[in-house]
PDB file of N, CA and C in Angstrom:
ATOM      1  N   MET A   1      13.843   2.414 -25.265  1.00  0.00           N
ATOM      2  CA  MET A   1      13.240   1.245 -24.664  1.00  0.00           C
ATOM      3  C   MET A   1      12.356   1.669 -23.501  1.00  0.00           C
ATOM      4  N   GLU A   2      11.148   1.198 -23.499  1.00  0.00           N
ATOM      5  CA  GLU A   2      10.209   1.498 -22.426  1.00  0.00           C
ATOM      6  C   GLU A   2      10.486   0.583 -21.238  1.00  0.00           C
ATOM      7  N   HIS A   3      10.401   1.159 -20.040  1.00  0.00           N
ATOM      8  CA  HIS A   3      10.638   0.368 -18.835  1.00  0.00           C
ATOM      9  C   HIS A   3       9.369  -0.398 -18.469  1.00  0.00           C
ATOM     10  N   PRO A   4       9.474  -1.695 -18.225  1.00  0.00           N
ATOM     11  CA  PRO A   4       8.296  -2.466 -17.826  1.00  0.00           C
ATOM     12  C   PRO A   4       7.928  -2.173 -16.371  1.00  0.00           C
ATOM     13  N   PHE A   5       6.685  -2.427 -16.031  1.00  0.00           N
ATOM     14  CA  PHE A   5       6.244  -2.280 -14.655  1.00  0.00           C
ATOM     15  C   PHE A   5       6.754  -3.459 -13.845  1.00  0.00           C
ATOM     16  N   LEU A   6       7.050  -3.209 -12.592  1.00  0.00           N
ATOM     17  CA  LEU A   6       7.521  -4.244 -11.700  1.00  0.00           C
ATOM     18  C   LEU A   6       6.493  -4.410 -10.587  1.00  0.00           C
ATOM     19  N   PRO A   7       5.670  -5.465 -10.662  1.00  0.00           N
ATOM     20  CA  PRO A   7       4.682  -5.675  -9.589  1.00  0.00           C
ATOM     21  C   PRO A   7       5.384  -6.139  -8.320  1.00  0.00           C
ATOM     22  N   LEU A   8       5.054  -5.524  -7.218  1.00  0.00           N
ATOM     23  CA  LEU A   8       5.629  -5.879  -5.925  1.00  0.00           C
ATOM     24  C   LEU A   8       4.519  -6.264  -4.967  1.00  0.00           C
ATOM     25  N   PHE A   9       4.748  -7.295  -4.196  1.00  0.00           N
ATOM     26  CA  PHE A   9       3.805  -7.725  -3.177  1.00  0.00           C
ATOM     27  C   PHE A   9       4.561  -7.688  -1.866  1.00  0.00           C
ATOM     28  N   LEU A  10       4.282  -6.676  -1.054  1.00  0.00           N
ATOM     29  CA  LEU A  10       5.049  -6.415   0.150  1.00  0.00           C
ATOM     30  C   LEU A  10       4.147  -6.400   1.368  1.00  0.00           C
ATOM     31  N   ASP A  11       4.654  -6.918   2.477  1.00  0.00           N
ATOM     32  CA  ASP A  11       3.964  -6.802   3.754  1.00  0.00           C
ATOM     33  C   ASP A  11       4.457  -5.524   4.416  1.00  0.00           C
ATOM     34  N   LEU A  12       3.633  -4.486   4.400  1.00  0.00           N
ATOM     35  CA  LEU A  12       4.015  -3.183   4.938  1.00  0.00           C
ATOM     36  C   LEU A  12       3.542  -2.970   6.370  1.00  0.00           C
ATOM     37  N   SER A  13       2.925  -3.957   6.959  1.00  0.00           N
ATOM     38  CA  SER A  13       2.354  -3.811   8.303  1.00  0.00           C
ATOM     39  C   SER A  13       3.387  -3.317   9.304  1.00  0.00           C
ATOM     40  N   GLY A  14       3.142  -2.119   9.834  1.00  0.00           N
ATOM     41  CA  GLY A  14       4.000  -1.551  10.852  1.00  0.00           C
ATOM     42  C   GLY A  14       5.354  -1.077  10.369  1.00  0.00           C
ATOM     43  N   LYS A  15       5.564  -1.047   9.071  1.00  0.00           N
ATOM     44  CA  LYS A  15       6.863  -0.632   8.527  1.00  0.00           C
ATOM     45  C   LYS A  15       6.828   0.855   8.163  1.00  0.00           C
ATOM     46  N   ALA A  16       7.927   1.541   8.471  1.00  0.00           N
ATOM     47  CA  ALA A  16       8.035   2.967   8.155  1.00  0.00           C
ATOM     48  C   ALA A  16       8.294   3.133   6.662  1.00  0.00           C
ATOM     49  N   CYS A  17       7.454   3.926   6.020  1.00  0.00           N
ATOM     50  CA  CYS A  17       7.584   4.209   4.592  1.00  0.00           C
ATOM     51  C   CYS A  17       7.615   5.722   4.403  1.00  0.00           C
ATOM     52  N   LEU A  18       8.563   6.189   3.620  1.00  0.00           N
ATOM     53  CA  LEU A  18       8.688   7.611   3.326  1.00  0.00           C
ATOM     54  C   LEU A  18       7.987   7.904   2.012  1.00  0.00           C
ATOM     55  N   LEU A  19       7.098   8.880   2.030  1.00  0.00           N
ATOM     56  CA  LEU A  19       6.388   9.306   0.824  1.00  0.00           C
ATOM     57  C   LEU A  19       6.690  10.782   0.601  1.00  0.00           C
ATOM     58  N   VAL A  20       7.216  11.104  -0.578  1.00  0.00           N
ATOM     59  CA  VAL A  20       7.625  12.471  -0.905  1.00  0.00           C
ATOM     60  C   VAL A  20       6.808  12.950  -2.094  1.00  0.00           C
ATOM     61  N   GLY A  21       6.167  14.119  -1.959  1.00  0.00           N
ATOM     62  CA  GLY A  21       5.441  14.653  -3.102  1.00  0.00           C
ATOM     63  C   GLY A  21       4.271  15.530  -2.697  1.00  0.00           C
ATOM     64  N   SER A  22       3.293  15.609  -3.611  1.00  0.00           N
ATOM     65  CA  SER A  22       2.094  16.410  -3.369  1.00  0.00           C
ATOM     66  C   SER A  22       1.026  16.021  -4.378  1.00  0.00           C
ATOM     67  N   GLY A  23      -0.153  16.560  -4.175  1.00  0.00           N
ATOM     68  CA  GLY A  23      -1.241  16.395  -5.144  1.00  0.00           C
ATOM     69  C   GLY A  23      -1.918  15.039  -5.123  1.00  0.00           C
ATOM     70  N   THR A  24      -2.685  14.789  -6.188  1.00  0.00           N
ATOM     71  CA  THR A  24      -3.504  13.575  -6.257  1.00  0.00           C
ATOM     72  C   THR A  24      -2.669  12.298  -6.310  1.00  0.00           C
ATOM     73  N   GLU A  25      -1.487  12.377  -6.911  1.00  0.00           N
ATOM     74  CA  GLU A  25      -0.632  11.186  -6.969  1.00  0.00           C
ATOM     75  C   GLU A  25      -0.112  10.826  -5.582  1.00  0.00           C
ATOM     76  N   LEU A  26       0.170  11.828  -4.758  1.00  0.00           N
ATOM     77  CA  LEU A  26       0.574  11.574  -3.384  1.00  0.00           C
ATOM     78  C   LEU A  26      -0.554  10.886  -2.629  1.00  0.00           C
ATOM     79  N   LEU A  27      -1.776  11.360  -2.805  1.00  0.00           N
ATOM     80  CA  LEU A  27      -2.914  10.743  -2.122  1.00  0.00           C
ATOM     81  C   LEU A  27      -3.123   9.302  -2.587  1.00  0.00           C
ATOM     82  N   ARG A  28      -3.018   9.063  -3.880  1.00  0.00           N
ATOM     83  CA  ARG A  28      -3.214   7.720  -4.410  1.00  0.00           C
ATOM     84  C   ARG A  28      -2.171   6.755  -3.849  1.00  0.00           C
ATOM     85  N   LYS A  29      -0.912   7.154  -3.916  1.00  0.00           N
ATOM     86  CA  LYS A  29       0.154   6.274  -3.421  1.00  0.00           C
ATOM     87  C   LYS A  29       0.094   6.149  -1.897  1.00  0.00           C
ATOM     88  N   GLY A  30      -0.240   7.241  -1.227  1.00  0.00           N
ATOM     89  CA  GLY A  30      -0.377   7.195   0.228  1.00  0.00           C
ATOM     90  C   GLY A  30      -1.473   6.248   0.668  1.00  0.00           C
ATOM     91  N   ASN A  31      -2.601   6.259  -0.042  1.00  0.00           N
ATOM     92  CA  ASN A  31      -3.690   5.337   0.290  1.00  0.00           C
ATOM     93  C   ASN A  31      -3.251   3.886   0.137  1.00  0.00           C
ATOM     94  N   LEU A  32      -2.508   3.590  -0.915  1.00  0.00           N
ATOM     95  CA  LEU A  32      -2.013   2.224  -1.111  1.00  0.00           C
ATOM     96  C   LEU A  32      -1.104   1.801   0.047  1.00  0.00           C
ATOM     97  N   LEU A  33      -0.214   2.690   0.449  1.00  0.00           N
ATOM     98  CA  LEU A  33       0.693   2.376   1.549  1.00  0.00           C
ATOM     99  C   LEU A  33      -0.064   2.213   2.870  1.00  0.00           C
ATOM    100  N   LEU A  34      -0.978   3.132   3.156  1.00  0.00           N
ATOM    101  CA  LEU A  34      -1.740   3.059   4.398  1.00  0.00           C
ATOM    102  C   LEU A  34      -2.668   1.842   4.417  1.00  0.00           C
ATOM    103  N   ASP A  35      -3.289   1.531   3.289  1.00  0.00           N
ATOM    104  CA  ASP A  35      -4.135   0.333   3.212  1.00  0.00           C
ATOM    105  C   ASP A  35      -3.321  -0.920   3.489  1.00  0.00           C
ATOM    106  N   GLY A  36      -2.032  -0.874   3.155  1.00  0.00           N
ATOM    107  CA  GLY A  36      -1.140  -2.010   3.403  1.00  0.00           C
ATOM    108  C   GLY A  36      -0.598  -2.053   4.817  1.00  0.00           C
ATOM    109  N   GLY A  37      -0.979  -1.092   5.656  1.00  0.00           N
ATOM    110  CA  GLY A  37      -0.564  -1.099   7.053  1.00  0.00           C
ATOM    111  C   GLY A  37       0.681  -0.304   7.364  1.00  0.00           C
ATOM    112  N   ALA A  38       1.172   0.469   6.405  1.00  0.00           N
ATOM    113  CA  ALA A  38       2.414   1.227   6.596  1.00  0.00           C
ATOM    114  C   ALA A  38       2.254   2.340   7.626  1.00  0.00           C
ATOM    115  N   LEU A  39       3.378   2.683   8.245  1.00  0.00           N
ATOM    116  CA  LEU A  39       3.502   3.895   9.053  1.00  0.00           C
ATOM    117  C   LEU A  39       4.146   4.919   8.128  1.00  0.00           C
ATOM    118  N   LEU A  40       3.406   5.940   7.793  1.00  0.00           N
ATOM    119  CA  LEU A  40       3.802   6.853   6.728  1.00  0.00           C
ATOM    120  C   LEU A  40       4.546   8.062   7.266  1.00  0.00           C
ATOM    121  N   ARG A  41       5.734   8.303   6.714  1.00  0.00           N
ATOM    122  CA  ARG A  41       6.469   9.543   6.945  1.00  0.00           C
ATOM    123  C   ARG A  41       6.290  10.366   5.681  1.00  0.00           C
ATOM    124  N   LEU A  42       5.718  11.528   5.838  1.00  0.00           N
ATOM    125  CA  LEU A  42       5.254  12.305   4.702  1.00  0.00           C
ATOM    126  C   LEU A  42       6.048  13.593   4.550  1.00  0.00           C
ATOM    127  N   VAL A  43       6.720  13.748   3.411  1.00  0.00           N
ATOM    128  CA  VAL A  43       7.388  14.999   3.063  1.00  0.00           C
ATOM    129  C   VAL A  43       6.524  15.634   1.978  1.00  0.00           C
ATOM    130  N   SER A  44       5.697  16.584   2.393  1.00  0.00           N
ATOM    131  CA  SER A  44       4.722  17.207   1.490  1.00  0.00           C
ATOM    132  C   SER A  44       4.209  18.486   2.139  1.00  0.00           C
ATOM    133  N   PRO A  45       3.407  19.250   1.395  1.00  0.00           N
ATOM    134  CA  PRO A  45       2.748  20.390   2.043  1.00  0.00           C
ATOM    135  C   PRO A  45       1.872  19.884   3.199  1.00  0.00           C
ATOM    136  N   GLN A  46       1.853  20.624   4.302  1.00  0.00           N
ATOM    137  CA  GLN A  46       1.140  20.188   5.511  1.00  0.00           C
ATOM    138  C   GLN A  46      -0.342  19.914   5.258  1.00  0.00           C
ATOM    139  N   GLU A  47      -0.964  20.670   4.361  1.00  0.00           N
ATOM    140  CA  GLU A  47      -2.405  20.491   4.137  1.00  0.00           C
ATOM    141  C   GLU A  47      -2.734  19.105   3.589  1.00  0.00           C
ATOM    142  N   MET A  48      -1.735  18.388   3.062  1.00  0.00           N
ATOM    143  CA  MET A  48      -1.991  17.049   2.527  1.00  0.00           C
ATOM    144  C   MET A  48      -2.364  16.067   3.640  1.00  0.00           C
ATOM    145  N   VAL A  49      -1.852  16.274   4.847  1.00  0.00           N
ATOM    146  CA  VAL A  49      -2.123  15.351   5.955  1.00  0.00           C
ATOM    147  C   VAL A  49      -3.619  15.272   6.237  1.00  0.00           C
ATOM    148  N   SER A  50      -4.298  16.406   6.208  1.00  0.00           N
ATOM    149  CA  SER A  50      -5.728  16.428   6.526  1.00  0.00           C
ATOM    150  C   SER A  50      -6.591  15.813   5.426  1.00  0.00           C
ATOM    151  N   SER A  51      -5.993  15.411   4.317  1.00  0.00           N
ATOM    152  CA  SER A  51      -6.749  14.775   3.237  1.00  0.00           C
ATOM    153  C   SER A  51      -7.139  13.341   3.575  1.00  0.00           C
ATOM    154  N   TRP A  52      -6.507  12.764   4.592  1.00  0.00           N
ATOM    155  CA  TRP A  52      -6.821  11.388   4.983  1.00  0.00           C
ATOM    156  C   TRP A  52      -7.763  11.371   6.170  1.00  0.00           C
ATOM    157  N   PRO A  53      -8.605  10.329   6.289  1.00  0.00           N
ATOM    158  CA  PRO A  53      -9.486  10.196   7.458  1.00  0.00           C
ATOM    159  C   PRO A  53      -8.674  10.087   8.748  1.00  0.00           C
ATOM    160  N   GLN A  54      -9.271  10.443   9.862  1.00  0.00           N
ATOM    161  CA  GLN A  54      -8.595  10.465  11.160  1.00  0.00           C
ATOM    162  C   GLN A  54      -7.869   9.161  11.498  1.00  0.00           C
ATOM    163  N   PRO A  55      -8.454   7.975  11.294  1.00  0.00           N
ATOM    164  CA  PRO A  55      -7.703   6.756  11.641  1.00  0.00           C
ATOM    165  C   PRO A  55      -6.379   6.644  10.881  1.00  0.00           C
ATOM    166  N   TYR A  56      -6.344   7.107   9.640  1.00  0.00           N
ATOM    167  CA  TYR A  56      -5.101   7.107   8.873  1.00  0.00           C
ATOM    168  C   TYR A  56      -4.124   8.152   9.402  1.00  0.00           C
ATOM    169  N   GLN A  57      -4.639   9.308   9.802  1.00  0.00           N
ATOM    170  CA  GLN A  57      -3.778  10.389  10.269  1.00  0.00           C
ATOM    171  C   GLN A  57      -2.937   9.963  11.468  1.00  0.00           C
ATOM    172  N   GLU A  58      -3.443   9.011  12.243  1.00  0.00           N
ATOM    173  CA  GLU A  58      -2.701   8.517  13.403  1.00  0.00           C
ATOM    174  C   GLU A  58      -1.452   7.750  12.989  1.00  0.00           C
ATOM    175  N   ARG A  59      -1.382   7.302  11.737  1.00  0.00           N
ATOM    176  CA  ARG A  59      -0.222   6.566  11.239  1.00  0.00           C
ATOM    177  C   ARG A  59       0.635   7.409  10.289  1.00  0.00           C
ATOM    178  N   ILE A  60       0.389   8.731  10.264  1.00  0.00           N
ATOM    179  CA  ILE A  60       1.137   9.640   9.399  1.00  0.00           C
ATOM    180  C   ILE A  60       1.963  10.589  10.250  1.00  0.00           C
ATOM    181  N   SER A  61       3.258  10.643   9.956  1.00  0.00           N
ATOM    182  CA  SER A  61       4.143  11.634  10.564  1.00  0.00           C
ATOM    183  C   SER A  61       4.529  12.618   9.473  1.00  0.00           C
ATOM    184  N   TRP A  62       4.146  13.870   9.667  1.00  0.00           N
ATOM    185  CA  TRP A  62       4.456  14.889   8.670  1.00  0.00           C
ATOM    186  C   TRP A  62       5.826  15.475   8.962  1.00  0.00           C
ATOM    187  N   ILE A  63       6.667  15.549   7.939  1.00  0.00           N
ATOM    188  CA  ILE A  63       8.000  16.133   8.052  1.00  0.00           C
ATOM    189  C   ILE A  63       7.940  17.519   7.412  1.00  0.00           C
ATOM    190  N   GLY A  64       8.117  18.540   8.221  1.00  0.00           N
ATOM    191  CA  GLY A  64       7.892  19.917   7.780  1.00  0.00           C
ATOM    192  C   GLY A  64       9.057  20.582   7.088  1.00  0.00           C
ATOM    193  N   THR A  65       9.762  19.843   6.248  1.00  0.00           N
ATOM    194  CA  THR A  65      10.851  20.437   5.480  1.00  0.00           C
ATOM    195  C   THR A  65      10.820  19.854   4.078  1.00  0.00           C
ATOM    196  N   THR A  66      11.691  20.359   3.229  1.00  0.00           N
ATOM    197  CA  THR A  66      11.896  19.700   1.940  1.00  0.00           C
ATOM    198  C   THR A  66      12.702  18.430   2.194  1.00  0.00           C
ATOM    199  N   PHE A  67      12.717  17.547   1.218  1.00  0.00           N
ATOM    200  CA  PHE A  67      13.430  16.276   1.388  1.00  0.00           C
ATOM    201  C   PHE A  67      14.905  16.488   1.700  1.00  0.00           C
ATOM    202  N   GLN A  68      15.373  15.742   2.686  1.00  0.00           N
ATOM    203  CA  GLN A  68      16.783  15.718   3.058  1.00  0.00           C
ATOM    204  C   GLN A  68      17.231  14.257   3.124  1.00  0.00           C
ATOM    205  N   PRO A  69      18.466  13.955   2.781  1.00  0.00           N
ATOM    206  CA  PRO A  69      18.925  12.559   2.794  1.00  0.00           C
ATOM    207  C   PRO A  69      18.710  11.836   4.124  1.00  0.00           C
ATOM    208  N   HIS A  70      18.785  12.542   5.243  1.00  0.00           N
ATOM    209  CA  HIS A  70      18.594  11.876   6.538  1.00  0.00           C
ATOM    210  C   HIS A  70      17.156  11.378   6.738  1.00  0.00           C
ATOM    211  N   HIS A  71      16.209  11.829   5.920  1.00  0.00           N
ATOM    212  CA  HIS A  71      14.837  11.316   5.998  1.00  0.00           C
ATOM    213  C   HIS A  71      14.779   9.839   5.632  1.00  0.00           C
ATOM    214  N   LEU A  72      15.812   9.344   4.967  1.00  0.00           N
ATOM    215  CA  LEU A  72      15.866   7.931   4.581  1.00  0.00           C
ATOM    216  C   LEU A  72      16.234   7.024   5.748  1.00  0.00           C
ATOM    217  N   ASP A  73      16.761   7.591   6.814  1.00  0.00           N
ATOM    218  CA  ASP A  73      17.184   6.791   7.962  1.00  0.00           C
ATOM    219  C   ASP A  73      15.998   6.061   8.582  1.00  0.00           C
ATOM    220  N   GLY A  74      16.116   4.765   8.696  1.00  0.00           N
ATOM    221  CA  GLY A  74      15.108   3.969   9.383  1.00  0.00           C
ATOM    222  C   GLY A  74      13.847   3.666   8.599  1.00  0.00           C
ATOM    223  N   VAL A  75      13.796   4.008   7.326  1.00  0.00           N
ATOM    224  CA  VAL A  75      12.600   3.685   6.549  1.00  0.00           C
ATOM    225  C   VAL A  75      12.818   2.397   5.760  1.00  0.00           C
ATOM    226  N   TRP A  76      11.751   1.679   5.553  1.00  0.00           N
ATOM    227  CA  TRP A  76      11.786   0.398   4.874  1.00  0.00           C
ATOM    228  C   TRP A  76      11.563   0.543   3.370  1.00  0.00           C
ATOM    229  N   LEU A  77      10.773   1.552   2.989  1.00  0.00           N
ATOM    230  CA  LEU A  77      10.422   1.787   1.586  1.00  0.00           C
ATOM    231  C   LEU A  77      10.314   3.288   1.356  1.00  0.00           C
ATOM    232  N   VAL A  78      10.746   3.741   0.184  1.00  0.00           N
ATOM    233  CA  VAL A  78      10.640   5.155  -0.194  1.00  0.00           C
ATOM    234  C   VAL A  78       9.862   5.242  -1.494  1.00  0.00           C
ATOM    235  N   VAL A  79       8.877   6.151  -1.518  1.00  0.00           N
ATOM    236  CA  VAL A  79       8.073   6.378  -2.720  1.00  0.00           C
ATOM    237  C   VAL A  79       8.041   7.877  -2.980  1.00  0.00           C
ATOM    238  N   SER A  80       8.272   8.252  -4.231  1.00  0.00           N
ATOM    239  CA  SER A  80       8.221   9.656  -4.621  1.00  0.00           C
ATOM    240  C   SER A  80       7.165   9.836  -5.700  1.00  0.00           C
ATOM    241  N   THR A  81       6.482  10.968  -5.663  1.00  0.00           N
ATOM    242  CA  THR A  81       5.498  11.264  -6.699  1.00  0.00           C
ATOM    243  C   THR A  81       6.040  12.266  -7.707  1.00  0.00           C
ATOM    244  N   HIS A  82       7.314  12.635  -7.568  1.00  0.00           N
ATOM    245  CA  HIS A  82       7.942  13.595  -8.472  1.00  0.00           C
ATOM    246  C   HIS A  82       8.893  12.876  -9.403  1.00  0.00           C
ATOM    247  N   SER A  83       8.661  12.938 -10.682  1.00  0.00           N
ATOM    248  CA  SER A  83       9.548  12.250 -11.623  1.00  0.00           C
ATOM    249  C   SER A  83      10.926  12.879 -11.697  1.00  0.00           C
ATOM    250  N   SER A  84      11.039  14.164 -11.354  1.00  0.00           N
ATOM    251  CA  SER A  84      12.336  14.834 -11.452  1.00  0.00           C
ATOM    252  C   SER A  84      12.935  15.147 -10.083  1.00  0.00           C
ATOM    253  N   HIS A  85      12.326  14.641  -8.996  1.00  0.00           N
ATOM    254  CA  HIS A  85      12.781  14.940  -7.648  1.00  0.00           C
ATOM    255  C   HIS A  85      14.132  14.278  -7.378  1.00  0.00           C
ATOM    256  N   PRO A  86      15.042  14.929  -6.636  1.00  0.00           N
ATOM    257  CA  PRO A  86      16.362  14.354  -6.352  1.00  0.00           C
ATOM    258  C   PRO A  86      16.303  12.996  -5.667  1.00  0.00           C
ATOM    259  N   ILE A  87      15.227  12.697  -4.938  1.00  0.00           N
ATOM    260  CA  ILE A  87      15.142  11.401  -4.265  1.00  0.00           C
ATOM    261  C   ILE A  87      15.108  10.252  -5.258  1.00  0.00           C
ATOM    262  N   ASN A  88      14.727  10.519  -6.506  1.00  0.00           N
ATOM    263  CA  ASN A  88      14.652   9.479  -7.526  1.00  0.00           C
ATOM    264  C   ASN A  88      16.013   9.096  -8.066  1.00  0.00           C
ATOM    265  N   GLN A  89      17.043   9.808  -7.708  1.00  0.00           N
ATOM    266  CA  GLN A  89      18.371   9.541  -8.249  1.00  0.00           C
ATOM    267  C   GLN A  89      19.164   8.596  -7.376  1.00  0.00           C
TER     268      GLN A  89
END
């Protein structure tokens, strides 16, 4: 059975969102979160932070480790770009 998509309409203004991953999918999902006003906590390679324009970078906190369960503390939404990443479980 194929899983249907679940459309969500969320007010992310000023809310902490954790984004875990890398590559183009991280940028795509990160742009959606930042466009929605999120404060982004990013678990990714450091070079990904510089992929966003300076005004966005002010709302990005880079976490310089691999994902740890305590990264979930205080976040409103979690998004992962890895289909097999432990955060998806």
